[in-house]
Amino acid sequence: MASTIKVGCRLPQGIRLRVFEPGKDAFGENVLNEIGEVALAGSGRHVAAPGGLDGKDDDGVAFTDADADLWAKWFKQNEKSDLITSGAVFEKGKQPKDDPAAENEAAAQASTQSQAKRRS
């Protein structure tokens, strides 16, 4: 059984991520063969609404289980795409470094740790 990961999508309508590999057709011509797709559920929230693509709350994110190998191939082919760099699509736990949600979570953890140290 293939391993799965959680992929987040902040687009309201979701998106189908198609994965291709180069190959040859019956005439020997170069073609791209689709090897699979990952259909991500949508968040149902318009990207211009509060919390849209800025990632400040998880209500604007829908997570979908995806085949880990297929996701890795798609990500390698598309890592510089706007879908990834804007944070619209991401692997759970691997959000972009400049993602406000990740920064807010890190700041909250640091605050909790410093409060715990003061109490000790």
N, C-alpha and C. Protein backbone atom coordinates (compact mmCIF):
# COMPACT_ATOMS: atom_id res chain seq x y z
N MET A 1 0.84 -1.19 0.00
CA MET A 1 0.00 0.00 0.00
C MET A 1 0.88 1.24 0.00
N ALA A 2 0.53 2.19 -0.81
CA ALA A 2 1.32 3.42 -0.93
C ALA A 2 1.13 4.31 0.29
N SER A 3 2.18 5.02 0.65
CA SER A 3 2.07 5.94 1.78
C SER A 3 1.35 7.21 1.34
N THR A 4 0.66 7.83 2.29
CA THR A 4 -0.07 9.05 1.99
C THR A 4 0.40 10.18 2.88
N ILE A 5 0.18 11.38 2.41
CA ILE A 5 0.48 12.59 3.16
C ILE A 5 -0.74 13.50 3.08
N LYS A 6 -0.75 14.54 3.89
CA LYS A 6 -1.82 15.54 3.85
C LYS A 6 -1.33 16.73 3.03
N VAL A 7 -2.12 17.12 2.06
CA VAL A 7 -1.81 18.29 1.24
C VAL A 7 -2.89 19.33 1.48
N GLY A 8 -2.47 20.55 1.80
CA GLY A 8 -3.40 21.64 2.07
C GLY A 8 -3.67 22.46 0.82
N CYS A 9 -4.89 22.93 0.71
CA CYS A 9 -5.29 23.77 -0.41
C CYS A 9 -6.13 24.93 0.12
N ARG A 10 -5.72 26.15 -0.22
CA ARG A 10 -6.45 27.34 0.21
C ARG A 10 -7.36 27.89 -0.89
N LEU A 11 -7.40 27.22 -2.03
CA LEU A 11 -8.26 27.67 -3.12
C LEU A 11 -9.69 27.24 -2.84
N PRO A 12 -10.68 28.11 -3.03
CA PRO A 12 -12.05 27.78 -2.66
C PRO A 12 -12.62 26.60 -3.45
N GLN A 13 -12.24 26.46 -4.71
CA GLN A 13 -12.80 25.42 -5.56
C GLN A 13 -11.96 24.15 -5.59
N GLY A 14 -10.79 24.16 -4.92
CA GLY A 14 -9.90 23.01 -5.01
C GLY A 14 -9.16 23.03 -6.34
N ILE A 15 -8.41 21.98 -6.60
CA ILE A 15 -7.65 21.94 -7.85
C ILE A 15 -7.20 20.50 -8.11
N ARG A 16 -7.04 20.17 -9.37
CA ARG A 16 -6.49 18.87 -9.76
C ARG A 16 -5.05 19.10 -10.20
N LEU A 17 -4.14 18.42 -9.53
CA LEU A 17 -2.72 18.53 -9.84
C LEU A 17 -2.34 17.31 -10.68
N ARG A 18 -2.03 17.53 -11.95
CA ARG A 18 -1.72 16.44 -12.87
C ARG A 18 -0.21 16.25 -12.97
N VAL A 19 0.21 14.98 -13.00
CA VAL A 19 1.62 14.64 -13.04
C VAL A 19 1.93 13.97 -14.38
N PHE A 20 3.00 14.43 -15.03
CA PHE A 20 3.37 13.92 -16.34
C PHE A 20 4.81 13.41 -16.35
N GLU A 21 5.07 12.46 -17.26
CA GLU A 21 6.43 12.00 -17.52
C GLU A 21 6.63 12.00 -19.03
N PRO A 22 7.84 12.35 -19.47
CA PRO A 22 8.10 12.32 -20.91
C PRO A 22 8.11 10.88 -21.42
N GLY A 23 7.69 10.73 -22.67
CA GLY A 23 7.68 9.41 -23.30
C GLY A 23 7.59 9.55 -24.80
N LYS A 24 7.31 8.46 -25.47
CA LYS A 24 7.18 8.44 -26.93
C LYS A 24 5.82 7.87 -27.29
N ASP A 25 5.24 8.38 -28.37
CA ASP A 25 3.98 7.82 -28.83
C ASP A 25 4.27 6.70 -29.83
N ALA A 26 3.23 6.16 -30.47
CA ALA A 26 3.38 5.04 -31.39
C ALA A 26 4.24 5.38 -32.61
N PHE A 27 4.37 6.68 -32.90
CA PHE A 27 5.15 7.10 -34.06
C PHE A 27 6.56 7.55 -33.67
N GLY A 28 6.91 7.39 -32.41
CA GLY A 28 8.24 7.77 -31.95
C GLY A 28 8.38 9.25 -31.61
N GLU A 29 7.27 9.97 -31.60
CA GLU A 29 7.29 11.39 -31.28
C GLU A 29 7.34 11.58 -29.76
N ASN A 30 8.02 12.62 -29.33
CA ASN A 30 8.07 12.95 -27.90
C ASN A 30 6.70 13.44 -27.43
N VAL A 31 6.23 12.89 -26.32
CA VAL A 31 4.96 13.29 -25.73
C VAL A 31 5.10 13.31 -24.21
N LEU A 32 4.14 13.94 -23.58
CA LEU A 32 4.05 13.87 -22.12
C LEU A 32 2.90 12.94 -21.77
N ASN A 33 3.19 11.91 -21.01
CA ASN A 33 2.18 10.95 -20.59
C ASN A 33 1.75 11.27 -19.17
N GLU A 34 0.44 11.39 -18.97
CA GLU A 34 -0.07 11.62 -17.63
C GLU A 34 0.05 10.33 -16.84
N ILE A 35 0.70 10.41 -15.67
CA ILE A 35 0.87 9.21 -14.85
C ILE A 35 -0.05 9.22 -13.63
N GLY A 36 -0.71 10.33 -13.40
CA GLY A 36 -1.64 10.40 -12.28
C GLY A 36 -2.04 11.82 -11.97
N GLU A 37 -2.93 11.94 -10.99
CA GLU A 37 -3.35 13.26 -10.56
C GLU A 37 -3.73 13.21 -9.08
N VAL A 38 -3.62 14.36 -8.47
CA VAL A 38 -4.04 14.53 -7.09
C VAL A 38 -5.17 15.54 -7.11
N ALA A 39 -6.37 15.14 -6.70
CA ALA A 39 -7.52 16.04 -6.67
C ALA A 39 -7.65 16.59 -5.25
N LEU A 40 -7.34 17.87 -5.09
CA LEU A 40 -7.38 18.51 -3.77
C LEU A 40 -8.74 19.14 -3.52
N ALA A 41 -9.26 18.92 -2.34
CA ALA A 41 -10.53 19.54 -1.95
C ALA A 41 -10.32 21.03 -1.77
N GLY A 42 -11.34 21.82 -2.04
CA GLY A 42 -11.26 23.26 -1.86
C GLY A 42 -11.66 23.69 -0.47
N SER A 43 -11.20 24.88 -0.11
CA SER A 43 -11.49 25.41 1.22
C SER A 43 -12.89 25.99 1.32
N GLY A 44 -13.49 26.33 0.16
CA GLY A 44 -14.80 26.96 0.17
C GLY A 44 -14.74 28.43 0.52
N ARG A 45 -13.57 28.97 0.77
CA ARG A 45 -13.41 30.38 1.14
C ARG A 45 -12.77 31.12 -0.03
N HIS A 46 -13.33 32.26 -0.37
CA HIS A 46 -12.77 33.08 -1.43
C HIS A 46 -11.42 33.62 -0.98
N VAL A 47 -10.44 33.62 -1.89
CA VAL A 47 -9.08 34.02 -1.51
C VAL A 47 -8.99 35.47 -1.06
N ALA A 48 -9.96 36.31 -1.43
CA ALA A 48 -9.92 37.71 -1.00
C ALA A 48 -10.59 37.91 0.36
N ALA A 49 -11.24 36.86 0.88
CA ALA A 49 -11.90 36.95 2.18
C ALA A 49 -10.86 36.96 3.29
N PRO A 50 -11.21 37.43 4.46
CA PRO A 50 -10.25 37.40 5.58
C PRO A 50 -9.70 35.99 5.77
N GLY A 51 -8.38 35.90 5.87
CA GLY A 51 -7.74 34.60 6.03
C GLY A 51 -7.57 33.85 4.73
N GLY A 52 -7.85 34.48 3.59
CA GLY A 52 -7.74 33.83 2.29
C GLY A 52 -6.40 33.15 2.08
N LEU A 53 -5.53 33.72 1.30
CA LEU A 53 -4.22 33.12 1.06
C LEU A 53 -3.19 33.51 2.10
N ASP A 54 -3.54 34.40 3.03
CA ASP A 54 -2.51 34.82 3.99
C ASP A 54 -2.26 33.77 5.07
N GLY A 55 -3.11 32.77 5.16
CA GLY A 55 -2.85 31.64 6.05
C GLY A 55 -2.94 31.94 7.53
N LYS A 56 -3.65 32.99 7.92
CA LYS A 56 -3.70 33.34 9.34
C LYS A 56 -4.61 32.43 10.15
N ASP A 57 -5.47 31.67 9.49
CA ASP A 57 -6.27 30.70 10.22
C ASP A 57 -6.46 29.45 9.36
N ASP A 58 -6.63 28.33 10.01
CA ASP A 58 -6.76 27.07 9.28
C ASP A 58 -8.15 26.86 8.70
N ASP A 59 -9.11 27.75 9.01
CA ASP A 59 -10.43 27.60 8.44
C ASP A 59 -10.40 27.79 6.93
N GLY A 60 -9.39 28.47 6.42
CA GLY A 60 -9.28 28.70 4.99
C GLY A 60 -8.49 27.63 4.28
N VAL A 61 -8.27 26.49 4.93
CA VAL A 61 -7.47 25.41 4.33
C VAL A 61 -8.26 24.11 4.36
N ALA A 62 -8.25 23.40 3.25
CA ALA A 62 -8.82 22.05 3.20
C ALA A 62 -7.66 21.08 2.99
N PHE A 63 -7.60 20.03 3.78
CA PHE A 63 -6.54 19.04 3.65
C PHE A 63 -7.08 17.78 2.98
N THR A 64 -6.28 17.23 2.08
CA THR A 64 -6.64 16.03 1.33
C THR A 64 -5.52 15.01 1.47
N ASP A 65 -5.87 13.75 1.67
CA ASP A 65 -4.86 12.69 1.66
C ASP A 65 -4.42 12.47 0.22
N ALA A 66 -3.10 12.44 0.01
CA ALA A 66 -2.56 12.27 -1.34
C ALA A 66 -1.46 11.22 -1.30
N ASP A 67 -1.28 10.52 -2.40
CA ASP A 67 -0.20 9.56 -2.53
C ASP A 67 1.13 10.31 -2.42
N ALA A 68 1.98 9.88 -1.52
CA ALA A 68 3.24 10.60 -1.24
C ALA A 68 4.17 10.64 -2.46
N ASP A 69 4.26 9.54 -3.18
CA ASP A 69 5.15 9.50 -4.35
C ASP A 69 4.65 10.41 -5.46
N LEU A 70 3.34 10.38 -5.69
CA LEU A 70 2.76 11.23 -6.74
C LEU A 70 2.92 12.70 -6.37
N TRP A 71 2.67 13.04 -5.10
CA TRP A 71 2.86 14.42 -4.65
C TRP A 71 4.31 14.85 -4.84
N ALA A 72 5.27 13.99 -4.49
CA ALA A 72 6.69 14.33 -4.62
C ALA A 72 7.05 14.62 -6.07
N LYS A 73 6.52 13.82 -7.00
CA LYS A 73 6.79 14.06 -8.43
C LYS A 73 6.17 15.38 -8.88
N TRP A 74 4.91 15.62 -8.47
CA TRP A 74 4.26 16.88 -8.86
C TRP A 74 5.03 18.06 -8.28
N PHE A 75 5.41 17.98 -7.02
CA PHE A 75 6.10 19.07 -6.36
C PHE A 75 7.43 19.36 -7.06
N LYS A 76 8.17 18.32 -7.42
CA LYS A 76 9.46 18.51 -8.10
C LYS A 76 9.26 19.24 -9.44
N GLN A 77 8.19 18.91 -10.15
CA GLN A 77 7.92 19.54 -11.44
C GLN A 77 7.40 20.96 -11.30
N ASN A 78 6.85 21.32 -10.12
CA ASN A 78 6.14 22.59 -9.97
C ASN A 78 6.57 23.43 -8.77
N GLU A 79 7.73 23.14 -8.18
CA GLU A 79 8.11 23.82 -6.93
C GLU A 79 8.25 25.33 -7.06
N LYS A 80 8.44 25.85 -8.26
CA LYS A 80 8.55 27.30 -8.44
C LYS A 80 7.24 27.93 -8.93
N SER A 81 6.19 27.12 -9.01
CA SER A 81 4.91 27.64 -9.50
C SER A 81 4.28 28.56 -8.45
N ASP A 82 3.41 29.44 -8.90
CA ASP A 82 2.71 30.34 -7.99
C ASP A 82 1.86 29.59 -6.98
N LEU A 83 1.38 28.41 -7.33
CA LEU A 83 0.59 27.63 -6.38
C LEU A 83 1.40 27.31 -5.13
N ILE A 84 2.68 27.04 -5.30
CA ILE A 84 3.55 26.70 -4.18
C ILE A 84 4.09 27.96 -3.51
N THR A 85 4.61 28.89 -4.29
CA THR A 85 5.25 30.08 -3.70
C THR A 85 4.26 30.98 -2.98
N SER A 86 2.98 30.96 -3.39
CA SER A 86 1.98 31.78 -2.71
C SER A 86 1.41 31.09 -1.47
N GLY A 87 1.67 29.79 -1.34
CA GLY A 87 1.12 29.04 -0.23
C GLY A 87 -0.29 28.53 -0.48
N ALA A 88 -0.77 28.62 -1.71
CA ALA A 88 -2.11 28.15 -2.03
C ALA A 88 -2.22 26.63 -1.91
N VAL A 89 -1.12 25.94 -2.21
CA VAL A 89 -1.05 24.48 -2.12
C VAL A 89 0.24 24.15 -1.39
N PHE A 90 0.17 23.26 -0.40
CA PHE A 90 1.36 22.93 0.39
C PHE A 90 1.19 21.59 1.08
N GLU A 91 2.32 20.97 1.39
CA GLU A 91 2.31 19.75 2.18
C GLU A 91 2.20 20.13 3.64
N LYS A 92 1.33 19.47 4.37
CA LYS A 92 1.14 19.80 5.79
C LYS A 92 2.47 19.64 6.52
N GLY A 93 2.81 20.66 7.30
CA GLY A 93 4.07 20.65 8.04
C GLY A 93 5.23 21.20 7.25
N LYS A 94 5.03 21.50 5.97
CA LYS A 94 6.10 22.05 5.14
C LYS A 94 5.63 23.30 4.42
N GLN A 95 4.99 24.20 5.17
CA GLN A 95 4.52 25.44 4.58
C GLN A 95 5.70 26.33 4.23
N PRO A 96 5.54 27.25 3.30
CA PRO A 96 6.62 28.15 2.94
C PRO A 96 7.15 28.88 4.17
N LYS A 97 8.45 29.16 4.17
CA LYS A 97 9.09 29.80 5.32
C LYS A 97 8.50 31.16 5.63
N ASP A 98 8.03 31.86 4.61
CA ASP A 98 7.47 33.19 4.85
C ASP A 98 5.96 33.14 5.08
N ASP A 99 5.43 31.94 5.35
CA ASP A 99 4.00 31.79 5.59
C ASP A 99 3.64 32.37 6.96
N PRO A 100 2.72 33.33 7.02
CA PRO A 100 2.34 33.94 8.29
C PRO A 100 1.83 32.93 9.30
N ALA A 101 1.12 31.89 8.85
CA ALA A 101 0.61 30.89 9.79
C ALA A 101 1.75 30.18 10.49
N ALA A 102 2.78 29.83 9.73
CA ALA A 102 3.94 29.15 10.32
C ALA A 102 4.66 30.09 11.29
N GLU A 103 4.79 31.37 10.91
CA GLU A 103 5.44 32.34 11.78
C GLU A 103 4.64 32.55 13.06
N ASN A 104 3.31 32.67 12.94
CA ASN A 104 2.46 32.85 14.12
C ASN A 104 2.53 31.65 15.05
N GLU A 105 2.56 30.44 14.47
CA GLU A 105 2.65 29.23 15.27
C GLU A 105 3.98 29.17 16.01
N ALA A 106 5.07 29.52 15.31
CA ALA A 106 6.39 29.51 15.94
C ALA A 106 6.46 30.54 17.06
N ALA A 107 5.88 31.72 16.84
CA ALA A 107 5.88 32.77 17.86
C ALA A 107 5.07 32.34 19.08
N ALA A 108 3.95 31.68 18.84
CA ALA A 108 3.11 31.21 19.95
C ALA A 108 3.84 30.15 20.77
N GLN A 109 4.55 29.25 20.09
CA GLN A 109 5.31 28.21 20.78
C GLN A 109 6.43 28.83 21.61
N ALA A 110 7.13 29.81 21.05
CA ALA A 110 8.21 30.48 21.77
C ALA A 110 7.67 31.20 23.00
N SER A 111 6.52 31.84 22.86
CA SER A 111 5.91 32.55 23.98
C SER A 111 5.52 31.58 25.09
N THR A 112 4.94 30.45 24.71
CA THR A 112 4.54 29.43 25.68
C THR A 112 5.76 28.88 26.41
N GLN A 113 6.85 28.65 25.67
CA GLN A 113 8.07 28.12 26.29
C GLN A 113 8.68 29.12 27.24
N SER A 114 8.68 30.40 26.86
CA SER A 114 9.27 31.41 27.75
C SER A 114 8.41 31.60 29.01
N GLN A 115 7.09 31.48 28.88
CA GLN A 115 6.21 31.57 30.05
C GLN A 115 6.45 30.39 30.99
N ALA A 116 6.66 29.21 30.40
CA ALA A 116 6.91 28.02 31.22
C ALA A 116 8.24 28.15 31.97
N LYS A 117 9.25 28.74 31.32
CA LYS A 117 10.55 28.94 31.98
C LYS A 117 10.42 29.92 33.13
N ARG A 118 9.62 30.96 32.96
CA ARG A 118 9.45 31.95 34.03
C ARG A 118 8.76 31.35 35.26
N ARG A 119 7.84 30.42 35.00
CA ARG A 119 7.11 29.78 36.11
C ARG A 119 8.00 28.81 36.89
N SER A 120 9.02 28.28 36.23
CA SER A 120 9.89 27.28 36.88
C SER A 120 10.80 27.89 37.91
